Amino acid sequence: IPCSGSRWLLTDVLQQEWGFEGCTLSDWESIDELVQHGNAES
C-alpha cells in the first residue's frame, strides 16, 4: 500500500494508536502517484 494512501499507517497507527492530532502532509505529488503505483485507477 503506498504510504500516501495507507489508512493503517496514517489513521490506525498515527492518529488512533499514537493519538496524533496534527496535520499529515503528502510528499510532492505523491497522492497522484497512487495511480503510478497501480493502487488507484484514476
PDB file of all heavy atoms in Angstrom:
ATOM      1  N   ILE A   1       0.848  -1.188   0.000  1.00  0.00           N
ATOM      2  CA  ILE A   1       0.000   0.000   0.000  1.00  0.00           C
ATOM      3  C   ILE A   1       0.886   1.241   0.000  1.00  0.00           C
ATOM      4  O   ILE A   1       1.697   1.416   0.915  1.00  0.00           O
ATOM      5  CB  ILE A   1      -0.921   0.046   1.239  1.00  0.00           C
ATOM      6  CG1 ILE A   1      -1.734  -1.241   1.356  1.00  0.00           C
ATOM      7  CG2 ILE A   1      -1.828   1.270   1.189  1.00  0.00           C
ATOM      8  CD1 ILE A   1      -2.721  -1.459   0.240  1.00  0.00           C
ATOM      9  N   PRO A   2       0.759   2.129  -0.996  1.00  0.00           N
ATOM     10  CA  PRO A   2       1.536   3.370  -0.958  1.00  0.00           C
ATOM     11  C   PRO A   2       1.246   4.158   0.312  1.00  0.00           C
ATOM     12  O   PRO A   2       0.092   4.253   0.752  1.00  0.00           O
ATOM     13  CB  PRO A   2       1.057   4.124  -2.206  1.00  0.00           C
ATOM     14  CG  PRO A   2       0.547   3.052  -3.126  1.00  0.00           C
ATOM     15  CD  PRO A   2      -0.049   2.007  -2.226  1.00  0.00           C
ATOM     16  N   CYS A   3       2.293   4.713   0.906  1.00  0.00           N
ATOM     17  CA  CYS A   3       2.143   5.378   2.205  1.00  0.00           C
ATOM     18  C   CYS A   3       1.123   6.517   2.167  1.00  0.00           C
ATOM     19  O   CYS A   3       0.424   6.756   3.148  1.00  0.00           O
ATOM     20  CB  CYS A   3       3.496   5.900   2.680  1.00  0.00           C
ATOM     21  SG  CYS A   3       4.684   4.589   3.056  1.00  0.00           S
ATOM     22  N   SER A   4       1.032   7.222   1.058  1.00  0.00           N
ATOM     23  CA  SER A   4       0.106   8.348   0.981  1.00  0.00           C
ATOM     24  C   SER A   4      -1.343   7.914   0.907  1.00  0.00           C
ATOM     25  O   SER A   4      -2.243   8.752   0.988  1.00  0.00           O
ATOM     26  CB  SER A   4       0.450   9.227  -0.227  1.00  0.00           C
ATOM     27  OG  SER A   4       1.689   9.869  -0.024  1.00  0.00           O
ATOM     28  N   GLY A   5      -1.579   6.619   0.762  1.00  0.00           N
ATOM     29  CA  GLY A   5      -2.947   6.110   0.759  1.00  0.00           C
ATOM     30  C   GLY A   5      -3.168   5.005   1.772  1.00  0.00           C
ATOM     31  O   GLY A   5      -4.124   4.226   1.662  1.00  0.00           O
ATOM     32  N   SER A   6      -2.293   4.936   2.779  1.00  0.00           N
ATOM     33  CA  SER A   6      -2.363   3.851   3.760  1.00  0.00           C
ATOM     34  C   SER A   6      -3.151   4.269   4.994  1.00  0.00           C
ATOM     35  O   SER A   6      -2.662   5.021   5.841  1.00  0.00           O
ATOM     36  CB  SER A   6      -0.944   3.428   4.177  1.00  0.00           C
ATOM     37  OG  SER A   6      -0.997   2.512   5.254  1.00  0.00           O
ATOM     38  N   ARG A   7      -4.364   3.771   5.124  1.00  0.00           N
ATOM     39  CA  ARG A   7      -5.173   4.074   6.300  1.00  0.00           C
ATOM     40  C   ARG A   7      -4.547   3.470   7.553  1.00  0.00           C
ATOM     41  O   ARG A   7      -4.591   4.075   8.636  1.00  0.00           O
ATOM     42  CB  ARG A   7      -6.605   3.558   6.125  1.00  0.00           C
ATOM     43  CG  ARG A   7      -7.500   3.880   7.315  1.00  0.00           C
ATOM     44  CD  ARG A   7      -8.967   3.538   7.100  1.00  0.00           C
ATOM     45  NE  ARG A   7      -9.717   3.831   8.313  1.00  0.00           N
ATOM     46  CZ  ARG A   7     -10.169   5.030   8.654  1.00  0.00           C
ATOM     47  NH1 ARG A   7      -9.939   6.065   7.858  1.00  0.00           N
ATOM     48  NH2 ARG A   7     -10.833   5.208   9.776  1.00  0.00           N
ATOM     49  N   TRP A   8      -3.955   2.302   7.417  1.00  0.00           N
ATOM     50  CA  TRP A   8      -3.307   1.690   8.582  1.00  0.00           C
ATOM     51  C   TRP A   8      -2.209   2.596   9.113  1.00  0.00           C
ATOM     52  O   TRP A   8      -2.103   2.816  10.314  1.00  0.00           O
ATOM     53  CB  TRP A   8      -2.711   0.330   8.193  1.00  0.00           C
ATOM     54  CG  TRP A   8      -1.950  -0.295   9.324  1.00  0.00           C
ATOM     55  CD1 TRP A   8      -2.473  -0.920  10.420  1.00  0.00           C
ATOM     56  CD2 TRP A   8      -0.525  -0.307   9.498  1.00  0.00           C
ATOM     57  NE1 TRP A   8      -1.460  -1.325  11.267  1.00  0.00           N
ATOM     58  CE2 TRP A   8      -0.262  -0.972  10.729  1.00  0.00           C
ATOM     59  CE3 TRP A   8       0.542   0.161   8.741  1.00  0.00           C
ATOM     60  CZ2 TRP A   8       1.035  -1.169  11.196  1.00  0.00           C
ATOM     61  CZ3 TRP A   8       1.840  -0.030   9.205  1.00  0.00           C
ATOM     62  CH2 TRP A   8       2.076  -0.687  10.423  1.00  0.00           C
ATOM     63  N   LEU A   9      -1.406   3.159   8.225  1.00  0.00           N
ATOM     64  CA  LEU A   9      -0.279   3.978   8.638  1.00  0.00           C
ATOM     65  C   LEU A   9      -0.730   5.337   9.173  1.00  0.00           C
ATOM     66  O   LEU A   9      -0.329   5.767  10.261  1.00  0.00           O
ATOM     67  CB  LEU A   9       0.655   4.176   7.442  1.00  0.00           C
ATOM     68  CG  LEU A   9       2.062   4.700   7.706  1.00  0.00           C
ATOM     69  CD1 LEU A   9       2.862   3.701   8.532  1.00  0.00           C
ATOM     70  CD2 LEU A   9       2.767   4.967   6.376  1.00  0.00           C
ATOM     71  N   LEU A  10      -1.593   6.032   8.404  1.00  0.00           N
ATOM     72  CA  LEU A  10      -1.928   7.416   8.709  1.00  0.00           C
ATOM     73  C   LEU A  10      -3.047   7.581   9.730  1.00  0.00           C
ATOM     74  O   LEU A  10      -3.110   8.609  10.409  1.00  0.00           O
ATOM     75  CB  LEU A  10      -2.310   8.157   7.415  1.00  0.00           C
ATOM     76  CG  LEU A  10      -1.237   8.180   6.320  1.00  0.00           C
ATOM     77  CD1 LEU A  10      -1.753   8.920   5.095  1.00  0.00           C
ATOM     78  CD2 LEU A  10       0.051   8.807   6.818  1.00  0.00           C
ATOM     79  N   THR A  11      -3.909   6.593   9.818  1.00  0.00           N
ATOM     80  CA  THR A  11      -5.024   6.699  10.776  1.00  0.00           C
ATOM     81  C   THR A  11      -4.881   5.710  11.924  1.00  0.00           C
ATOM     82  O   THR A  11      -4.852   6.102  13.091  1.00  0.00           O
ATOM     83  CB  THR A  11      -6.370   6.493  10.061  1.00  0.00           C
ATOM     84  OG1 THR A  11      -6.572   7.564   9.134  1.00  0.00           O
ATOM     85  CG2 THR A  11      -7.525   6.504  11.065  1.00  0.00           C
ATOM     86  N   ASP A  12      -4.772   4.427  11.598  1.00  0.00           N
ATOM     87  CA  ASP A  12      -4.753   3.415  12.657  1.00  0.00           C
ATOM     88  C   ASP A  12      -3.556   3.608  13.594  1.00  0.00           C
ATOM     89  O   ASP A  12      -3.720   3.603  14.826  1.00  0.00           O
ATOM     90  CB  ASP A  12      -4.718   2.011  12.050  1.00  0.00           C
ATOM     91  CG  ASP A  12      -5.966   1.678  11.260  1.00  0.00           C
ATOM     92  OD1 ASP A  12      -6.916   2.489  11.288  1.00  0.00           O
ATOM     93  OD2 ASP A  12      -5.992   0.633  10.593  1.00  0.00           O
ATOM     94  N   VAL A  13      -2.376   3.754  13.027  1.00  0.00           N
ATOM     95  CA  VAL A  13      -1.174   3.898  13.851  1.00  0.00           C
ATOM     96  C   VAL A  13      -1.004   5.336  14.320  1.00  0.00           C
ATOM     97  O   VAL A  13      -0.954   5.627  15.517  1.00  0.00           O
ATOM     98  CB  VAL A  13       0.085   3.431  13.081  1.00  0.00           C
ATOM     99  CG1 VAL A  13       1.359   3.761  13.875  1.00  0.00           C
ATOM    100  CG2 VAL A  13       0.014   1.938  12.810  1.00  0.00           C
ATOM    101  N   LEU A  14      -0.912   6.252  13.372  1.00  0.00           N
ATOM    102  CA  LEU A  14      -0.528   7.626  13.690  1.00  0.00           C
ATOM    103  C   LEU A  14      -1.582   8.340  14.544  1.00  0.00           C
ATOM    104  O   LEU A  14      -1.259   8.963  15.564  1.00  0.00           O
ATOM    105  CB  LEU A  14      -0.285   8.396  12.396  1.00  0.00           C
ATOM    106  CG  LEU A  14       0.231   9.829  12.518  1.00  0.00           C
ATOM    107  CD1 LEU A  14       1.565   9.867  13.250  1.00  0.00           C
ATOM    108  CD2 LEU A  14       0.378  10.461  11.137  1.00  0.00           C
ATOM    109  N   GLN A  15      -2.840   8.262  14.145  1.00  0.00           N
ATOM    110  CA  GLN A  15      -3.877   9.029  14.839  1.00  0.00           C
ATOM    111  C   GLN A  15      -4.516   8.260  15.991  1.00  0.00           C
ATOM    112  O   GLN A  15      -4.621   8.771  17.108  1.00  0.00           O
ATOM    113  CB  GLN A  15      -4.950   9.465  13.842  1.00  0.00           C
ATOM    114  CG  GLN A  15      -4.426  10.408  12.765  1.00  0.00           C
ATOM    115  CD  GLN A  15      -5.495  10.768  11.746  1.00  0.00           C
ATOM    116  OE1 GLN A  15      -6.628  11.065  12.096  1.00  0.00           O
ATOM    117  NE2 GLN A  15      -5.137  10.727  10.471  1.00  0.00           N
ATOM    118  N   GLN A  16      -4.923   7.045  15.726  1.00  0.00           N
ATOM    119  CA  GLN A  16      -5.664   6.320  16.753  1.00  0.00           C
ATOM    120  C   GLN A  16      -4.743   5.722  17.813  1.00  0.00           C
ATOM    121  O   GLN A  16      -5.001   5.839  19.012  1.00  0.00           O
ATOM    122  CB  GLN A  16      -6.531   5.239  16.096  1.00  0.00           C
ATOM    123  CG  GLN A  16      -7.620   5.819  15.200  1.00  0.00           C
ATOM    124  CD  GLN A  16      -8.466   4.752  14.529  1.00  0.00           C
ATOM    125  OE1 GLN A  16      -8.253   3.543  14.707  1.00  0.00           O
ATOM    126  NE2 GLN A  16      -9.425   5.187  13.718  1.00  0.00           N
ATOM    127  N   GLU A  17      -3.677   5.086  17.380  1.00  0.00           N
ATOM    128  CA  GLU A  17      -2.781   4.442  18.347  1.00  0.00           C
ATOM    129  C   GLU A  17      -1.885   5.453  19.056  1.00  0.00           C
ATOM    130  O   GLU A  17      -1.727   5.416  20.272  1.00  0.00           O
ATOM    131  CB  GLU A  17      -1.939   3.389  17.628  1.00  0.00           C
ATOM    132  CG  GLU A  17      -1.038   2.591  18.552  1.00  0.00           C
ATOM    133  CD  GLU A  17      -0.218   1.562  17.805  1.00  0.00           C
ATOM    134  OE1 GLU A  17      -0.677   1.055  16.759  1.00  0.00           O
ATOM    135  OE2 GLU A  17       0.907   1.266  18.264  1.00  0.00           O
ATOM    136  N   TRP A  18      -1.279   6.369  18.281  1.00  0.00           N
ATOM    137  CA  TRP A  18      -0.355   7.334  18.866  1.00  0.00           C
ATOM    138  C   TRP A  18      -1.040   8.614  19.315  1.00  0.00           C
ATOM    139  O   TRP A  18      -0.433   9.439  19.993  1.00  0.00           O
ATOM    140  CB  TRP A  18       0.746   7.692  17.874  1.00  0.00           C
ATOM    141  CG  TRP A  18       1.660   6.556  17.509  1.00  0.00           C
ATOM    142  CD1 TRP A  18       1.643   5.285  18.007  1.00  0.00           C
ATOM    143  CD2 TRP A  18       2.724   6.591  16.554  1.00  0.00           C
ATOM    144  NE1 TRP A  18       2.622   4.529  17.427  1.00  0.00           N
ATOM    145  CE2 TRP A  18       3.307   5.303  16.529  1.00  0.00           C
ATOM    146  CE3 TRP A  18       3.241   7.576  15.730  1.00  0.00           C
ATOM    147  CZ2 TRP A  18       4.374   4.984  15.705  1.00  0.00           C
ATOM    148  CZ3 TRP A  18       4.307   7.264  14.903  1.00  0.00           C
ATOM    149  CH2 TRP A  18       4.876   5.983  14.894  1.00  0.00           C
ATOM    150  N   GLY A  19      -2.281   8.811  18.940  1.00  0.00           N
ATOM    151  CA  GLY A  19      -3.013   9.992  19.379  1.00  0.00           C
ATOM    152  C   GLY A  19      -2.580  11.278  18.712  1.00  0.00           C
ATOM    153  O   GLY A  19      -2.755  12.366  19.277  1.00  0.00           O
ATOM    154  N   PHE A  20      -2.039  11.198  17.505  1.00  0.00           N
ATOM    155  CA  PHE A  20      -1.560  12.387  16.809  1.00  0.00           C
ATOM    156  C   PHE A  20      -2.734  13.271  16.381  1.00  0.00           C
ATOM    157  O   PHE A  20      -3.652  12.815  15.709  1.00  0.00           O
ATOM    158  CB  PHE A  20      -0.754  11.958  15.583  1.00  0.00           C
ATOM    159  CG  PHE A  20      -0.209  13.101  14.759  1.00  0.00           C
ATOM    160  CD1 PHE A  20       0.726  13.973  15.284  1.00  0.00           C
ATOM    161  CD2 PHE A  20      -0.630  13.277  13.445  1.00  0.00           C
ATOM    162  CE1 PHE A  20       1.234  15.014  14.516  1.00  0.00           C
ATOM    163  CE2 PHE A  20      -0.122  14.311  12.677  1.00  0.00           C
ATOM    164  CZ  PHE A  20       0.806  15.183  13.213  1.00  0.00           C
ATOM    165  N   GLU A  21      -2.696  14.530  16.773  1.00  0.00           N
ATOM    166  CA  GLU A  21      -3.783  15.465  16.469  1.00  0.00           C
ATOM    167  C   GLU A  21      -3.374  16.540  15.476  1.00  0.00           C
ATOM    168  O   GLU A  21      -4.124  17.484  15.210  1.00  0.00           O
ATOM    169  CB  GLU A  21      -4.271  16.117  17.764  1.00  0.00           C
ATOM    170  CG  GLU A  21      -4.935  15.121  18.709  1.00  0.00           C
ATOM    171  CD  GLU A  21      -5.236  15.709  20.082  1.00  0.00           C
ATOM    172  OE1 GLU A  21      -4.632  16.749  20.422  1.00  0.00           O
ATOM    173  OE2 GLU A  21      -6.054  15.133  20.797  1.00  0.00           O
ATOM    174  N   GLY A  22      -2.169  16.395  14.913  1.00  0.00           N
ATOM    175  CA  GLY A  22      -1.693  17.380  13.965  1.00  0.00           C
ATOM    176  C   GLY A  22      -2.048  17.023  12.541  1.00  0.00           C
ATOM    177  O   GLY A  22      -2.963  16.242  12.265  1.00  0.00           O
ATOM    178  N   CYS A  23      -1.281  17.597  11.613  1.00  0.00           N
ATOM    179  CA  CYS A  23      -1.591  17.531  10.190  1.00  0.00           C
ATOM    180  C   CYS A  23      -0.627  16.595   9.472  1.00  0.00           C
ATOM    181  O   CYS A  23       0.581  16.653   9.682  1.00  0.00           O
ATOM    182  CB  CYS A  23      -1.505  18.944   9.611  1.00  0.00           C
ATOM    183  SG  CYS A  23      -1.485  19.038   7.813  1.00  0.00           S
ATOM    184  N   THR A  24      -1.163  15.747   8.599  1.00  0.00           N
ATOM    185  CA  THR A  24      -0.336  14.921   7.728  1.00  0.00           C
ATOM    186  C   THR A  24      -0.231  15.595   6.360  1.00  0.00           C
ATOM    187  O   THR A  24      -1.203  16.138   5.840  1.00  0.00           O
ATOM    188  CB  THR A  24      -0.919  13.513   7.553  1.00  0.00           C
ATOM    189  OG1 THR A  24      -2.257  13.611   7.053  1.00  0.00           O
ATOM    190  CG2 THR A  24      -0.939  12.766   8.877  1.00  0.00           C
ATOM    191  N   LEU A  25       0.961  15.539   5.782  1.00  0.00           N
ATOM    192  CA  LEU A  25       1.245  16.185   4.503  1.00  0.00           C
ATOM    193  C   LEU A  25       1.760  15.135   3.534  1.00  0.00           C
ATOM    194  O   LEU A  25       2.609  14.315   3.891  1.00  0.00           O
ATOM    195  CB  LEU A  25       2.305  17.278   4.708  1.00  0.00           C
ATOM    196  CG  LEU A  25       2.879  17.958   3.468  1.00  0.00           C
ATOM    197  CD1 LEU A  25       1.830  18.810   2.770  1.00  0.00           C
ATOM    198  CD2 LEU A  25       4.094  18.809   3.843  1.00  0.00           C
ATOM    199  N   SER A  26       1.266  15.164   2.300  1.00  0.00           N
ATOM    200  CA  SER A  26       1.822  14.270   1.291  1.00  0.00           C
ATOM    201  C   SER A  26       3.196  14.779   0.880  1.00  0.00           C
ATOM    202  O   SER A  26       3.527  15.945   1.108  1.00  0.00           O
ATOM    203  CB  SER A  26       0.907  14.204   0.063  1.00  0.00           C
ATOM    204  OG  SER A  26       1.110  15.321  -0.789  1.00  0.00           O
ATOM    205  N   ASP A  27       3.993  13.925   0.257  1.00  0.00           N
ATOM    206  CA  ASP A  27       5.198  14.414  -0.393  1.00  0.00           C
ATOM    207  C   ASP A  27       4.799  14.922  -1.780  1.00  0.00           C
ATOM    208  O   ASP A  27       3.634  14.832  -2.179  1.00  0.00           O
ATOM    209  CB  ASP A  27       6.260  13.311  -0.462  1.00  0.00           C
ATOM    210  CG  ASP A  27       7.681  13.870  -0.440  1.00  0.00           C
ATOM    211  OD1 ASP A  27       7.875  15.006  -0.914  1.00  0.00           O
ATOM    212  OD2 ASP A  27       8.591  13.177   0.039  1.00  0.00           O
ATOM    213  N   TRP A  28       5.749  15.438  -2.507  1.00  0.00           N
ATOM    214  CA  TRP A  28       5.495  16.118  -3.778  1.00  0.00           C
ATOM    215  C   TRP A  28       4.694  15.225  -4.738  1.00  0.00           C
ATOM    216  O   TRP A  28       5.195  14.207  -5.219  1.00  0.00           O
ATOM    217  CB  TRP A  28       6.819  16.525  -4.405  1.00  0.00           C
ATOM    218  CG  TRP A  28       6.707  17.358  -5.647  1.00  0.00           C
ATOM    219  CD1 TRP A  28       6.566  16.892  -6.931  1.00  0.00           C
ATOM    220  CD2 TRP A  28       6.732  18.789  -5.738  1.00  0.00           C
ATOM    221  NE1 TRP A  28       6.508  17.939  -7.799  1.00  0.00           N
ATOM    222  CE2 TRP A  28       6.611  19.124  -7.108  1.00  0.00           C
ATOM    223  CE3 TRP A  28       6.857  19.811  -4.794  1.00  0.00           C
ATOM    224  CZ2 TRP A  28       6.603  20.439  -7.564  1.00  0.00           C
ATOM    225  CZ3 TRP A  28       6.853  21.128  -5.245  1.00  0.00           C
ATOM    226  CH2 TRP A  28       6.724  21.429  -6.604  1.00  0.00           C
ATOM    227  N   GLU A  29       3.439  15.574  -4.958  1.00  0.00           N
ATOM    228  CA  GLU A  29       2.542  14.881  -5.880  1.00  0.00           C
ATOM    229  C   GLU A  29       2.378  13.398  -5.557  1.00  0.00           C
ATOM    230  O   GLU A  29       1.990  12.609  -6.420  1.00  0.00           O
ATOM    231  CB  GLU A  29       3.017  15.052  -7.334  1.00  0.00           C
ATOM    232  CG  GLU A  29       2.973  16.506  -7.801  1.00  0.00           C
ATOM    233  CD  GLU A  29       3.286  16.682  -9.275  1.00  0.00           C
ATOM    234  OE1 GLU A  29       3.885  15.754  -9.877  1.00  0.00           O
ATOM    235  OE2 GLU A  29       2.941  17.737  -9.833  1.00  0.00           O
ATOM    236  N   SER A  30       2.647  13.010  -4.316  1.00  0.00           N
ATOM    237  CA  SER A  30       2.610  11.576  -4.001  1.00  0.00           C
ATOM    238  C   SER A  30       1.195  11.013  -3.982  1.00  0.00           C
ATOM    239  O   SER A  30       1.021   9.800  -4.110  1.00  0.00           O
ATOM    240  CB  SER A  30       3.310  11.299  -2.666  1.00  0.00           C
ATOM    241  OG  SER A  30       2.619  11.881  -1.583  1.00  0.00           O
ATOM    242  N   ILE A  31       0.185  11.870  -3.819  1.00  0.00           N
ATOM    243  CA  ILE A  31      -1.191  11.358  -3.921  1.00  0.00           C
ATOM    244  C   ILE A  31      -1.478  10.956  -5.360  1.00  0.00           C
ATOM    245  O   ILE A  31      -2.036   9.884  -5.634  1.00  0.00           O
ATOM    246  CB  ILE A  31      -2.206  12.395  -3.407  1.00  0.00           C
ATOM    247  CG1 ILE A  31      -1.963  12.686  -1.926  1.00  0.00           C
ATOM    248  CG2 ILE A  31      -3.637  11.890  -3.610  1.00  0.00           C
ATOM    249  CD1 ILE A  31      -2.875  13.758  -1.349  1.00  0.00           C
ATOM    250  N   ASP A  32      -1.098  11.798  -6.298  1.00  0.00           N
ATOM    251  CA  ASP A  32      -1.258  11.461  -7.717  1.00  0.00           C
ATOM    252  C   ASP A  32      -0.509  10.183  -8.050  1.00  0.00           C
ATOM    253  O   ASP A  32      -0.935   9.398  -8.908  1.00  0.00           O
ATOM    254  CB  ASP A  32      -0.753  12.618  -8.575  1.00  0.00           C
ATOM    255  CG  ASP A  32      -0.928  12.366 -10.062  1.00  0.00           C
ATOM    256  OD1 ASP A  32      -2.020  11.908 -10.458  1.00  0.00           O
ATOM    257  OD2 ASP A  32       0.019  12.609 -10.828  1.00  0.00           O
ATOM    258  N   GLU A  33       0.613   9.943  -7.361  1.00  0.00           N
ATOM    259  CA  GLU A  33       1.426   8.771  -7.663  1.00  0.00           C
ATOM    260  C   GLU A  33       0.777   7.458  -7.215  1.00  0.00           C
ATOM    261  O   GLU A  33       1.273   6.378  -7.558  1.00  0.00           O
ATOM    262  CB  GLU A  33       2.821   8.925  -7.053  1.00  0.00           C
ATOM    263  CG  GLU A  33       3.630  10.002  -7.758  1.00  0.00           C
ATOM    264  CD  GLU A  33       4.969  10.289  -7.105  1.00  0.00           C
ATOM    265  OE1 GLU A  33       5.356   9.536  -6.185  1.00  0.00           O
ATOM    266  OE2 GLU A  33       5.623  11.265  -7.509  1.00  0.00           O
ATOM    267  N   LEU A  34      -0.337   7.532  -6.494  1.00  0.00           N
ATOM    268  CA  LEU A  34      -1.089   6.310  -6.217  1.00  0.00           C
ATOM    269  C   LEU A  34      -1.519   5.660  -7.526  1.00  0.00           C
ATOM    270  O   LEU A  34      -1.663   4.436  -7.608  1.00  0.00           O
ATOM    271  CB  LEU A  34      -2.323   6.618  -5.366  1.00  0.00           C
ATOM    272  CG  LEU A  34      -2.095   7.196  -3.964  1.00  0.00           C
ATOM    273  CD1 LEU A  34      -3.434   7.424  -3.267  1.00  0.00           C
ATOM    274  CD2 LEU A  34      -1.208   6.298  -3.134  1.00  0.00           C
ATOM    275  N   VAL A  35      -1.721   6.476  -8.556  1.00  0.00           N
ATOM    276  CA  VAL A  35      -2.076   5.946  -9.876  1.00  0.00           C
ATOM    277  C   VAL A  35      -0.880   5.227 -10.488  1.00  0.00           C
ATOM    278  O   VAL A  35      -1.013   4.125 -11.036  1.00  0.00           O
ATOM    279  CB  VAL A  35      -2.562   7.084 -10.801  1.00  0.00           C
ATOM    280  CG1 VAL A  35      -2.931   6.525 -12.183  1.00  0.00           C
ATOM    281  CG2 VAL A  35      -3.752   7.814 -10.187  1.00  0.00           C
ATOM    282  N   GLN A  36       0.315   5.844 -10.385  1.00  0.00           N
ATOM    283  CA  GLN A  36       1.516   5.215 -10.951  1.00  0.00           C
ATOM    284  C   GLN A  36       1.851   3.915 -10.214  1.00  0.00           C
ATOM    285  O   GLN A  36       2.338   2.961 -10.823  1.00  0.00           O
ATOM    286  CB  GLN A  36       2.720   6.166 -10.878  1.00  0.00           C
ATOM    287  CG  GLN A  36       2.444   7.629 -11.172  1.00  0.00           C
ATOM    288  CD  GLN A  36       1.681   7.853 -12.451  1.00  0.00           C
ATOM    289  OE1 GLN A  36       1.937   7.184 -13.438  1.00  0.00           O
ATOM    290  NE2 GLN A  36       0.738   8.780 -12.432  1.00  0.00           N
ATOM    291  N   HIS A  37       1.576   3.895  -8.913  1.00  0.00           N
ATOM    292  CA  HIS A  37       1.806   2.664  -8.137  1.00  0.00           C
ATOM    293  C   HIS A  37       0.866   1.541  -8.581  1.00  0.00           C
ATOM    294  O   HIS A  37       1.145   0.365  -8.334  1.00  0.00           O
ATOM    295  CB  HIS A  37       1.570   2.926  -6.646  1.00  0.00           C
ATOM    296  CG  HIS A  37       2.734   3.532  -5.918  1.00  0.00           C
ATOM    297  ND1 HIS A  37       3.895   2.852  -5.662  1.00  0.00           N
ATOM    298  CD2 HIS A  37       2.906   4.766  -5.382  1.00  0.00           C
ATOM    299  CE1 HIS A  37       4.738   3.625  -4.988  1.00  0.00           C
ATOM    300  NE2 HIS A  37       4.164   4.799  -4.812  1.00  0.00           N
ATOM    301  N   GLY A  38      -0.251   1.897  -9.184  1.00  0.00           N
ATOM    302  CA  GLY A  38      -1.254   0.900  -9.534  1.00  0.00           C
ATOM    303  C   GLY A  38      -2.219   0.621  -8.405  1.00  0.00           C
ATOM    304  O   GLY A  38      -2.943  -0.379  -8.412  1.00  0.00           O
ATOM    305  N   ASN A  39      -2.258   1.529  -7.421  1.00  0.00           N
ATOM    306  CA  ASN A  39      -3.175   1.373  -6.303  1.00  0.00           C
ATOM    307  C   ASN A  39      -4.496   2.088  -6.553  1.00  0.00           C
ATOM    308  O   ASN A  39      -5.509   1.779  -5.937  1.00  0.00           O
ATOM    309  CB  ASN A  39      -2.514   1.919  -5.035  1.00  0.00           C
ATOM    310  CG  ASN A  39      -3.275   1.599  -3.769  1.00  0.00           C
ATOM    311  OD1 ASN A  39      -3.565   2.479  -2.979  1.00  0.00           O
ATOM    312  ND2 ASN A  39      -3.609   0.334  -3.572  1.00  0.00           N
ATOM    313  N   ALA A  40      -4.484   3.058  -7.457  1.00  0.00           N
ATOM    314  CA  ALA A  40      -5.695   3.791  -7.828  1.00  0.00           C
ATOM    315  C   ALA A  40      -5.777   3.835  -9.350  1.00  0.00           C
ATOM    316  O   ALA A  40      -4.774   4.015 -10.028  1.00  0.00           O
ATOM    317  CB  ALA A  40      -5.656   5.208  -7.264  1.00  0.00           C
ATOM    318  N   GLU A  41      -7.006   3.703  -9.865  1.00  0.00           N
ATOM    319  CA  GLU A  41      -7.167   3.657 -11.312  1.00  0.00           C
ATOM    320  C   GLU A  41      -7.243   5.044 -11.951  1.00  0.00           C
ATOM    321  O   GLU A  41      -7.154   5.177 -13.173  1.00  0.00           O
ATOM    322  CB  GLU A  41      -8.417   2.853 -11.691  1.00  0.00           C
ATOM    323  CG  GLU A  41      -9.751   3.460 -11.258  1.00  0.00           C
ATOM    324  CD  GLU A  41     -10.161   3.096  -9.840  1.00  0.00           C
ATOM    325  OE1 GLU A  41      -9.298   2.589  -9.088  1.00  0.00           O
ATOM    326  OE2 GLU A  41     -11.345   3.319  -9.497  1.00  0.00           O
ATOM    327  N   SER A  42      -7.391   6.088 -11.122  1.00  0.00           N
ATOM    328  CA  SER A  42      -7.523   7.440 -11.652  1.00  0.00           C
ATOM    329  C   SER A  42      -7.145   8.443 -10.575  1.00  0.00           C
ATOM    330  O   SER A  42      -7.031   8.098  -9.394  1.00  0.00           O
ATOM    331  CB  SER A  42      -8.959   7.700 -12.108  1.00  0.00           C
ATOM    332  OG  SER A  42      -9.839   7.661 -10.984  1.00  0.00           O
TER     333      SER A  42
END
